[in-house]
Amino acid sequence: MWTTLSAQYNSLIYQLSRARKLADFDGPISLTTITNYADFMTDLNSRAQSSYNPDDIFFNDYDATQLRSILKYRRDAFKPNSLADDVVPLVAAFGSQTHGDARKAIDLLRWRAN
């Protein structure tokens, strides 16, 4: 299945990045790819790689303070007194040590609630 998707994916990237030439298209084109997969470009075939030259923007992992701030705003999703006062700081600290992933920290917070 991946080979079929990979071929379609490569074709889409190639066609979009060359749309002005391929379709005599004169409007602006912007292609944004968002991924957690750092080796994204290595999976593209040579045609797609040569015509698609993205500017990479990397976002650092969240630290404990940032995760605490994010999780603080998720407390209202829980019943009153279902989370002890130390749960958010502990989940934030643990989350920052394991890749700083806010989604995983929120899942851990949900799991920890009574």
Protein backbone atom coordinates (compact mmCIF):
# COMPACT_ATOMS: atom_id res chain seq x y z
CA MET A 1 0.00 0.00 0.00
CA TRP A 2 2.82 2.46 0.86
CA THR A 3 4.33 2.11 -2.61
CA THR A 4 1.03 3.18 -4.20
CA LEU A 5 0.68 6.07 -1.75
CA SER A 6 4.34 6.93 -2.14
CA ALA A 7 4.02 7.11 -5.93
CA GLN A 8 0.92 9.30 -5.66
CA TYR A 9 2.58 11.46 -3.02
CA ASN A 10 5.68 11.96 -5.16
CA SER A 11 3.53 12.77 -8.18
CA LEU A 12 1.48 15.31 -6.20
CA ILE A 13 4.57 17.07 -4.81
CA TYR A 14 6.15 17.15 -8.28
CA GLN A 15 3.04 18.44 -10.04
CA LEU A 16 2.29 21.12 -7.45
CA SER A 17 5.86 22.37 -7.37
CA ARG A 18 5.87 22.66 -11.19
CA ALA A 19 2.24 23.68 -11.74
CA ARG A 20 3.11 26.94 -13.45
CA LYS A 21 5.09 25.15 -16.14
CA LEU A 22 2.97 22.00 -16.41
CA ALA A 23 -0.46 23.65 -16.58
CA ASP A 24 0.36 27.10 -17.91
CA PHE A 25 -0.84 28.42 -14.58
CA ASP A 26 -0.10 32.05 -13.75
CA GLY A 27 -1.37 32.40 -10.15
CA PRO A 28 0.61 32.14 -6.94
CA ILE A 29 1.23 28.64 -5.60
CA SER A 30 2.25 27.77 -2.08
CA LEU A 31 2.92 24.24 -0.88
CA THR A 32 3.26 23.62 2.83
CA THR A 33 4.11 20.25 4.26
CA ILE A 34 3.92 19.66 7.98
CA THR A 35 5.46 16.55 9.42
CA ASN A 36 7.10 15.14 12.52
CA TYR A 37 9.24 13.00 10.24
CA ALA A 38 12.64 14.67 9.95
CA ASP A 39 13.67 12.54 6.94
CA PHE A 40 10.66 13.61 4.90
CA MET A 41 12.70 14.66 1.87
CA THR A 42 14.62 11.38 1.66
CA ASP A 43 11.37 9.55 0.85
CA LEU A 44 10.72 11.69 -2.22
CA ASN A 45 11.92 10.44 -5.57
CA SER A 46 14.58 12.40 -7.43
CA ARG A 47 12.09 14.24 -9.69
CA ALA A 48 10.07 15.51 -6.73
CA GLN A 49 13.23 16.40 -4.79
CA SER A 50 14.68 18.43 -7.64
CA SER A 51 11.56 20.52 -8.19
CA TYR A 52 10.44 20.92 -4.57
CA ASN A 53 12.91 22.94 -2.52
CA PRO A 54 11.25 23.78 0.78
CA ASP A 55 12.50 26.09 3.48
CA ASP A 56 12.68 23.98 6.62
CA ILE A 57 11.36 25.36 9.87
CA PHE A 58 11.99 23.27 12.95
CA PHE A 59 10.15 23.72 16.20
CA ASN A 60 11.90 22.76 19.41
CA ASP A 61 10.29 20.38 21.87
CA TYR A 62 8.25 21.99 24.63
CA ASP A 63 10.03 22.43 27.94
CA ALA A 64 8.36 21.81 31.33
CA THR A 65 7.29 25.46 31.75
CA GLN A 66 5.64 25.55 28.33
CA LEU A 67 3.91 22.22 28.91
CA ARG A 68 2.68 23.39 32.31
CA SER A 69 1.13 26.42 30.64
CA ILE A 70 -0.54 24.27 27.98
CA LEU A 71 -1.82 21.75 30.52
CA LYS A 72 -3.10 24.46 32.85
CA TYR A 73 -5.67 25.40 30.21
CA ARG A 74 -6.80 21.76 29.95
CA ARG A 75 -7.72 21.51 33.67
CA ASP A 76 -11.18 22.94 32.97
CA ALA A 77 -12.03 19.78 31.00
CA PHE A 78 -12.03 17.82 34.24
CA LYS A 79 -14.53 17.67 37.06
CA PRO A 80 -13.63 19.85 40.06
CA ASN A 81 -11.12 18.14 42.38
CA SER A 82 -10.43 15.32 39.91
CA LEU A 83 -6.81 16.47 39.55
CA ALA A 84 -4.56 16.99 42.54
CA ASP A 85 -2.60 20.27 42.54
CA ASP A 86 0.69 18.52 41.83
CA VAL A 87 -0.54 16.57 38.78
CA VAL A 88 -0.06 19.31 36.15
CA PRO A 89 3.53 20.15 37.20
CA LEU A 90 4.44 16.45 37.38
CA VAL A 91 2.93 15.64 34.00
CA ALA A 92 4.67 18.69 32.51
CA ALA A 93 8.02 17.63 33.97
CA PHE A 94 7.61 14.07 32.72
CA GLY A 95 6.40 15.25 29.32
CA SER A 96 9.39 17.54 28.86
CA GLN A 97 11.74 14.61 29.51
CA THR A 98 10.01 12.43 26.92
CA HIS A 99 10.28 14.47 23.72
CA GLY A 100 8.30 17.54 24.88
CA ASP A 101 5.20 16.36 23.04
CA ALA A 102 2.09 18.28 24.19
CA ARG A 103 -0.29 15.65 22.79
CA LYS A 104 1.37 12.92 24.84
CA ALA A 105 1.36 15.13 27.93
CA ILE A 106 -2.38 15.81 27.48
CA ASP A 107 -3.00 12.06 27.10
CA LEU A 108 -1.05 11.44 30.31
CA LEU A 109 -3.08 14.13 32.07
CA ARG A 110 -6.31 12.45 30.92
CA TRP A 111 -5.05 9.08 32.13
CA ARG A 112 -4.09 10.53 35.53
CA ALA A 113 -7.48 12.14 36.25
CA ASN A 114 -9.66 10.32 38.80
